[in-house]
Amino acid sequence: MPGISSKRPYLLRAMHAWMTDNRLTPHIVVDATVRGIKVPVQYVSDGKLILNVGNAATRHLEIGDETVSFETRFGGVAHRVEVPVAAVHGIYAQETGQGMIFTEDESPSDPKPTEGERGKGKPELKVVK
């Protein structure tokens, strides 16, 4: 379906709200090699970065359709963080480990089933714990 938006920002916002409502601390796993990311590079390890996006750790948190942005402190120094939503690989609660990992590639070049292919085979569902 042309022009369909990514579900990733919606899922991020929903999981963040659920964790916050349950007094859990949401963290996101970020691919720090993605173009457009703005984070302190000294905290990147193996191309990945885990960011606390809880309300107590951030100011002006915005989980938009294209970018997750907020202000936070690293080592006592204030930083503005900007992460493309596509660079977020998952969100989880620090206390329980419960969350969601994004494994699918949502690029526009993903092959979509044609009219004749729809309804064939088993549906593909993923268990979310």
Protein backbone atom coordinates (compact mmCIF):
# COMPACT_ATOMS: atom_id res chain seq x y z
CA MET A 1 0.00 0.00 0.00
CA PRO A 2 1.78 3.17 -1.13
CA GLY A 3 2.17 5.95 1.39
CA ILE A 4 1.58 3.80 4.46
CA SER A 5 3.45 5.12 7.48
CA SER A 6 5.79 3.16 9.72
CA LYS A 7 4.22 1.59 12.80
CA ARG A 8 7.49 1.88 14.77
CA PRO A 9 6.88 5.40 16.24
CA TYR A 10 3.36 4.39 17.29
CA LEU A 11 4.64 1.27 19.03
CA LEU A 12 7.43 3.25 20.71
CA ARG A 13 4.94 5.80 22.06
CA ALA A 14 2.57 3.07 23.24
CA MET A 15 5.29 1.05 24.99
CA HIS A 16 6.72 4.20 26.59
CA ALA A 17 3.26 5.13 27.92
CA TRP A 18 2.64 1.59 29.23
CA MET A 19 6.00 1.51 31.02
CA THR A 20 5.52 4.97 32.48
CA ASP A 21 1.99 4.14 33.66
CA ASN A 22 3.39 1.06 35.41
CA ARG A 23 6.22 3.03 37.06
CA LEU A 24 8.87 1.27 34.99
CA THR A 25 11.93 2.93 33.43
CA PRO A 26 11.89 2.77 29.61
CA HIS A 27 15.19 2.36 27.78
CA ILE A 28 15.71 2.31 24.02
CA VAL A 29 18.35 0.33 22.15
CA VAL A 30 19.81 2.47 19.37
CA ASP A 31 21.98 1.71 16.35
CA ALA A 32 24.47 4.56 16.67
CA THR A 33 25.78 4.04 13.13
CA VAL A 34 22.58 5.30 11.49
CA ARG A 35 22.95 8.59 9.66
CA GLY A 36 21.43 11.59 11.44
CA ILE A 37 21.91 10.36 15.00
CA LYS A 38 23.11 12.97 17.51
CA VAL A 39 24.50 11.41 20.70
CA PRO A 40 27.77 11.73 22.63
CA VAL A 41 29.98 9.27 20.72
CA GLN A 42 32.10 8.40 23.77
CA TYR A 43 29.14 6.45 25.17
CA VAL A 44 28.66 4.30 22.05
CA SER A 45 29.81 0.69 22.38
CA ASP A 46 30.00 -1.70 19.42
CA GLY A 47 27.87 0.68 17.37
CA LYS A 48 25.02 0.52 19.90
CA LEU A 49 23.78 2.80 22.64
CA ILE A 50 21.18 2.22 25.33
CA LEU A 51 19.35 5.38 26.35
CA ASN A 52 17.17 5.92 29.40
CA VAL A 53 14.06 7.68 28.06
CA GLY A 54 12.23 7.76 31.38
CA ASN A 55 10.62 11.01 32.47
CA ALA A 56 13.09 11.40 35.36
CA ALA A 57 16.08 11.18 32.99
CA THR A 58 14.85 13.39 30.14
CA ARG A 59 13.53 16.84 29.45
CA HIS A 60 11.36 17.75 26.50
CA LEU A 61 11.04 14.13 25.34
CA GLU A 62 9.35 13.87 21.97
CA ILE A 63 8.75 10.57 20.22
CA GLY A 64 7.83 11.86 16.79
CA ASP A 65 7.11 10.01 13.58
CA GLU A 66 10.68 10.52 12.32
CA THR A 67 12.82 11.34 15.37
CA VAL A 68 13.09 10.66 19.10
CA SER A 69 14.53 13.78 20.72
CA PHE A 70 15.17 14.94 24.27
CA GLU A 71 17.63 16.62 26.60
CA THR A 72 19.56 14.53 29.12
CA ARG A 73 22.83 14.37 31.03
CA PHE A 74 25.82 12.15 30.34
CA GLY A 75 28.43 12.23 33.08
CA GLY A 76 26.80 15.35 34.51
CA VAL A 77 27.00 17.26 31.21
CA ALA A 78 23.76 18.30 29.46
CA HIS A 79 23.27 17.06 25.89
CA ARG A 80 20.55 17.30 23.26
CA VAL A 81 19.90 13.82 21.83
CA GLU A 82 18.28 13.16 18.45
CA VAL A 83 17.72 9.64 17.18
CA PRO A 84 15.97 8.74 13.92
CA VAL A 85 13.09 6.38 14.74
CA ALA A 86 14.54 3.94 12.20
CA ALA A 87 17.67 3.66 14.40
CA VAL A 88 15.66 2.43 17.40
CA HIS A 89 15.95 -1.35 17.57
CA GLY A 90 13.84 -1.81 20.68
CA ILE A 91 12.38 -0.49 23.89
CA TYR A 92 12.38 -2.30 27.23
CA ALA A 93 11.74 -1.70 30.93
CA GLN A 94 14.94 -1.64 32.98
CA GLU A 95 13.29 -3.29 35.98
CA THR A 96 11.70 -6.27 34.22
CA GLY A 97 13.31 -6.53 30.79
CA GLN A 98 9.82 -6.53 29.25
CA GLY A 99 9.53 -4.67 26.00
CA MET A 100 9.59 -4.91 22.25
CA ILE A 101 12.35 -5.50 19.72
CA PHE A 102 11.87 -4.28 16.17
CA THR A 103 13.19 -6.91 13.79
CA GLU A 104 11.47 -6.07 10.56
CA ASP A 105 12.86 -3.78 7.93
CA GLU A 106 10.20 -1.22 7.17
CA SER A 107 11.92 0.26 4.16
CA PRO A 108 9.73 1.18 1.18
CA SER A 109 11.50 -1.43 -0.94
CA ASP A 110 10.08 -4.33 1.09
CA PRO A 111 8.34 -6.75 -1.23
CA LYS A 112 4.58 -6.69 -0.71
CA PRO A 113 2.33 -9.59 -1.62
CA THR A 114 0.51 -9.19 -4.89
CA GLU A 115 -3.25 -9.59 -5.15
CA GLY A 116 -2.83 -13.27 -6.08
CA GLU A 117 -0.38 -13.98 -3.21
CA ARG A 118 -2.54 -12.57 -0.42
CA GLY A 119 -4.23 -15.17 1.70
CA LYS A 120 -1.83 -17.96 0.70
CA GLY A 121 0.21 -19.76 3.32
CA LYS A 122 0.19 -19.29 7.05
CA PRO A 123 -0.23 -15.86 8.59
CA GLU A 124 2.91 -14.50 10.22
CA LEU A 125 2.40 -13.38 13.82
CA LYS A 126 5.01 -12.60 16.42
CA VAL A 127 4.61 -13.18 20.14
CA VAL A 128 5.10 -10.02 22.18
CA LYS A 129 5.87 -10.70 25.82
